[in-house]
Amino acid sequence: MTGIDTDKLRAEQAERLAAISDGLLAPGETLSLKAARSRWYERCRNQTILTRRTRAIEGKQRRKLAELPFDERKRQISEGLMRSLKGDVGHMTSHQFEKMVWAQLYQLELVNLEPPGTPPPH
């Protein structure tokens, strides 16, 4: 196929199959440029809302946990993970669970790596 961008063609085919599986298109129906744009903008809007909500929840959790001593922070994070994972915790080793707790602490920026007594940075 000369002069055809196969990557672009595959991306369009994947987009079409996704639209058919989502029920937005019927097989054999064509997708207008306007409908494709509006669907893309809707997806971006939903992703933005989801990202903002996630950041807001993390910020609220960070502010609440920042006041607590480190051991209490770690305990709170582990309890939250136990609640959110429910039955999946039984399939993990203690090392894997500990690693998840530390990853969550780092993600929320609640790990203080400076030795005690060090003045805060300016």
C-alpha atoms as a PDB file:
ATOM      1  CA  MET A   1       0.000   0.000   0.000  1.00  0.00           C
ATOM      2  CA  THR A   2       1.834   2.993  -1.282  1.00  0.00           C
ATOM      3  CA  GLY A   3       1.301   6.414   0.217  1.00  0.00           C
ATOM      4  CA  ILE A   4      -0.795   5.160   3.134  1.00  0.00           C
ATOM      5  CA  ASP A   5       0.254   5.653   6.720  1.00  0.00           C
ATOM      6  CA  THR A   6      -0.402   2.178   8.147  1.00  0.00           C
ATOM      7  CA  ASP A   7       0.034   3.333  11.742  1.00  0.00           C
ATOM      8  CA  LYS A   8      -2.651   5.964  11.284  1.00  0.00           C
ATOM      9  CA  LEU A   9      -4.890   3.425   9.543  1.00  0.00           C
ATOM     10  CA  ARG A  10      -4.491   0.953  12.416  1.00  0.00           C
ATOM     11  CA  ALA A  11      -5.204   3.676  14.975  1.00  0.00           C
ATOM     12  CA  GLU A  12      -8.395   4.651  13.134  1.00  0.00           C
ATOM     13  CA  GLN A  13      -9.457   1.004  12.909  1.00  0.00           C
ATOM     14  CA  ALA A  14      -8.834   0.544  16.638  1.00  0.00           C
ATOM     15  CA  GLU A  15     -10.855   3.703  17.358  1.00  0.00           C
ATOM     16  CA  ARG A  16     -13.698   2.403  15.202  1.00  0.00           C
ATOM     17  CA  LEU A  17     -13.687  -0.999  16.907  1.00  0.00           C
ATOM     18  CA  ALA A  18     -13.687   0.720  20.304  1.00  0.00           C
ATOM     19  CA  ALA A  19     -16.669   2.849  19.249  1.00  0.00           C
ATOM     20  CA  ILE A  20     -18.524  -0.254  18.055  1.00  0.00           C
ATOM     21  CA  SER A  21     -17.801  -2.106  21.291  1.00  0.00           C
ATOM     22  CA  ASP A  22     -18.934   0.940  23.330  1.00  0.00           C
ATOM     23  CA  GLY A  23     -22.188   0.985  21.394  1.00  0.00           C
ATOM     24  CA  LEU A  24     -21.582   4.415  19.881  1.00  0.00           C
ATOM     25  CA  LEU A  25     -21.477   3.010  16.360  1.00  0.00           C
ATOM     26  CA  ALA A  26     -23.278   0.184  14.648  1.00  0.00           C
ATOM     27  CA  PRO A  27     -21.250  -2.109  12.364  1.00  0.00           C
ATOM     28  CA  GLY A  28     -21.207  -0.584   8.885  1.00  0.00           C
ATOM     29  CA  GLU A  29     -22.019   2.919  10.163  1.00  0.00           C
ATOM     30  CA  THR A  30     -19.545   5.710   9.426  1.00  0.00           C
ATOM     31  CA  LEU A  31     -18.229   8.113  12.017  1.00  0.00           C
ATOM     32  CA  SER A  32     -18.325  11.812  11.192  1.00  0.00           C
ATOM     33  CA  LEU A  33     -15.420  14.053  12.028  1.00  0.00           C
ATOM     34  CA  LYS A  34     -17.634  16.190  14.260  1.00  0.00           C
ATOM     35  CA  ALA A  35     -18.812  13.155  16.261  1.00  0.00           C
ATOM     36  CA  ALA A  36     -15.242  11.892  16.608  1.00  0.00           C
ATOM     37  CA  ARG A  37     -14.087  15.271  17.910  1.00  0.00           C
ATOM     38  CA  SER A  38     -16.935  15.573  20.370  1.00  0.00           C
ATOM     39  CA  ARG A  39     -16.242  12.049  21.655  1.00  0.00           C
ATOM     40  CA  TRP A  40     -12.540  12.880  22.026  1.00  0.00           C
ATOM     41  CA  TYR A  41     -13.347  16.090  23.938  1.00  0.00           C
ATOM     42  CA  GLU A  42     -15.789  14.203  26.163  1.00  0.00           C
ATOM     43  CA  ARG A  43     -13.127  11.600  26.958  1.00  0.00           C
ATOM     44  CA  CYS A  44     -10.604  14.345  27.768  1.00  0.00           C
ATOM     45  CA  ARG A  45     -13.146  16.123  29.982  1.00  0.00           C
ATOM     46  CA  ASN A  46     -13.894  12.929  31.895  1.00  0.00           C
ATOM     47  CA  GLN A  47     -10.183  12.189  32.314  1.00  0.00           C
ATOM     48  CA  THR A  48      -9.589  15.726  33.611  1.00  0.00           C
ATOM     49  CA  ILE A  49     -12.398  15.414  36.148  1.00  0.00           C
ATOM     50  CA  LEU A  50     -11.082  12.042  37.306  1.00  0.00           C
ATOM     51  CA  THR A  51      -7.539  13.409  37.663  1.00  0.00           C
ATOM     52  CA  ARG A  52      -8.722  16.453  39.632  1.00  0.00           C
ATOM     53  CA  ARG A  53     -10.801  14.317  41.982  1.00  0.00           C
ATOM     54  CA  THR A  54      -7.880  11.955  42.555  1.00  0.00           C
ATOM     55  CA  ARG A  55      -5.531  14.861  43.313  1.00  0.00           C
ATOM     56  CA  ALA A  56      -8.075  16.409  45.678  1.00  0.00           C
ATOM     57  CA  ILE A  57      -8.483  13.142  47.578  1.00  0.00           C
ATOM     58  CA  GLU A  58      -4.713  12.665  47.787  1.00  0.00           C
ATOM     59  CA  GLY A  59      -4.243  16.255  48.991  1.00  0.00           C
ATOM     60  CA  LYS A  60      -6.888  15.845  51.666  1.00  0.00           C
ATOM     61  CA  GLN A  61      -5.326  12.570  52.807  1.00  0.00           C
ATOM     62  CA  ARG A  62      -1.829  14.124  52.756  1.00  0.00           C
ATOM     63  CA  ARG A  63      -2.919  17.086  54.915  1.00  0.00           C
ATOM     64  CA  LYS A  64      -4.664  14.791  57.381  1.00  0.00           C
ATOM     65  CA  LEU A  65      -1.725  12.388  57.689  1.00  0.00           C
ATOM     66  CA  ALA A  66       1.045  15.024  57.715  1.00  0.00           C
ATOM     67  CA  GLU A  67       0.123  16.007  61.269  1.00  0.00           C
ATOM     68  CA  LEU A  68       0.581  12.454  62.587  1.00  0.00           C
ATOM     69  CA  PRO A  69       3.835  10.761  63.620  1.00  0.00           C
ATOM     70  CA  PHE A  70       5.397   8.526  60.957  1.00  0.00           C
ATOM     71  CA  ASP A  71       4.375   5.203  62.533  1.00  0.00           C
ATOM     72  CA  GLU A  72       0.769   6.368  62.738  1.00  0.00           C
ATOM     73  CA  ARG A  73       0.898   7.508  59.092  1.00  0.00           C
ATOM     74  CA  LYS A  74       2.165   4.098  58.073  1.00  0.00           C
ATOM     75  CA  ARG A  75      -0.566   2.370  60.080  1.00  0.00           C
ATOM     76  CA  GLN A  76      -3.291   4.564  58.576  1.00  0.00           C
ATOM     77  CA  ILE A  77      -2.029   3.891  55.031  1.00  0.00           C
ATOM     78  CA  SER A  78      -1.866   0.137  55.652  1.00  0.00           C
ATOM     79  CA  GLU A  79      -5.412   0.117  57.062  1.00  0.00           C
ATOM     80  CA  GLY A  80      -6.634   2.042  54.031  1.00  0.00           C
ATOM     81  CA  LEU A  81      -4.956  -0.432  51.704  1.00  0.00           C
ATOM     82  CA  MET A  82      -6.468  -3.346  53.627  1.00  0.00           C
ATOM     83  CA  ARG A  83      -9.931  -1.802  53.180  1.00  0.00           C
ATOM     84  CA  SER A  84      -9.451  -1.021  49.496  1.00  0.00           C
ATOM     85  CA  LEU A  85      -7.904  -4.378  48.572  1.00  0.00           C
ATOM     86  CA  LYS A  86     -10.290  -6.458  50.711  1.00  0.00           C
ATOM     87  CA  GLY A  87      -9.707 -10.131  49.797  1.00  0.00           C
ATOM     88  CA  ASP A  88      -6.632  -9.565  47.628  1.00  0.00           C
ATOM     89  CA  VAL A  89      -4.416  -8.994  50.657  1.00  0.00           C
ATOM     90  CA  GLY A  90      -4.540 -12.716  51.459  1.00  0.00           C
ATOM     91  CA  HIS A  91      -2.767 -13.500  48.189  1.00  0.00           C
ATOM     92  CA  MET A  92       0.175 -11.195  48.951  1.00  0.00           C
ATOM     93  CA  THR A  93       3.270 -11.772  50.977  1.00  0.00           C
ATOM     94  CA  SER A  94       3.974  -9.400  53.828  1.00  0.00           C
ATOM     95  CA  HIS A  95       6.911  -8.020  51.848  1.00  0.00           C
ATOM     96  CA  GLN A  96       4.656  -7.163  48.867  1.00  0.00           C
ATOM     97  CA  PHE A  97       2.128  -5.469  51.141  1.00  0.00           C
ATOM     98  CA  GLU A  98       4.889  -3.511  52.891  1.00  0.00           C
ATOM     99  CA  LYS A  99       6.164  -2.414  49.494  1.00  0.00           C
ATOM    100  CA  MET A 100       2.671  -1.159  48.571  1.00  0.00           C
ATOM    101  CA  VAL A 101       2.444   0.787  51.839  1.00  0.00           C
ATOM    102  CA  TRP A 102       5.806   2.454  51.193  1.00  0.00           C
ATOM    103  CA  ALA A 103       4.839   3.232  47.587  1.00  0.00           C
ATOM    104  CA  GLN A 104       1.660   4.917  48.825  1.00  0.00           C
ATOM    105  CA  LEU A 105       3.635   6.904  51.410  1.00  0.00           C
ATOM    106  CA  TYR A 106       6.071   8.077  48.737  1.00  0.00           C
ATOM    107  CA  GLN A 107       3.227   8.936  46.357  1.00  0.00           C
ATOM    108  CA  LEU A 108       1.595  11.094  49.021  1.00  0.00           C
ATOM    109  CA  GLU A 109       5.018  12.596  49.851  1.00  0.00           C
ATOM    110  CA  LEU A 110       4.712  11.581  53.492  1.00  0.00           C
ATOM    111  CA  VAL A 111       8.196  10.097  53.888  1.00  0.00           C
ATOM    112  CA  ASN A 112      10.685  12.360  55.611  1.00  0.00           C
ATOM    113  CA  LEU A 113      14.167  11.284  54.518  1.00  0.00           C
ATOM    114  CA  GLU A 114      16.084  13.876  56.518  1.00  0.00           C
ATOM    115  CA  PRO A 115      17.652  12.918  59.840  1.00  0.00           C
ATOM    116  CA  PRO A 116      15.901  14.224  62.955  1.00  0.00           C
ATOM    117  CA  GLY A 117      17.052  17.627  64.145  1.00  0.00           C
ATOM    118  CA  THR A 118      17.802  18.917  60.639  1.00  0.00           C
ATOM    119  CA  PRO A 119      16.356  22.404  60.089  1.00  0.00           C
ATOM    120  CA  PRO A 120      13.704  22.639  57.358  1.00  0.00           C
ATOM    121  CA  PRO A 121      14.876  23.893  53.937  1.00  0.00           C
ATOM    122  CA  HIS A 122      14.308  27.547  53.082  1.00  0.00           C
END
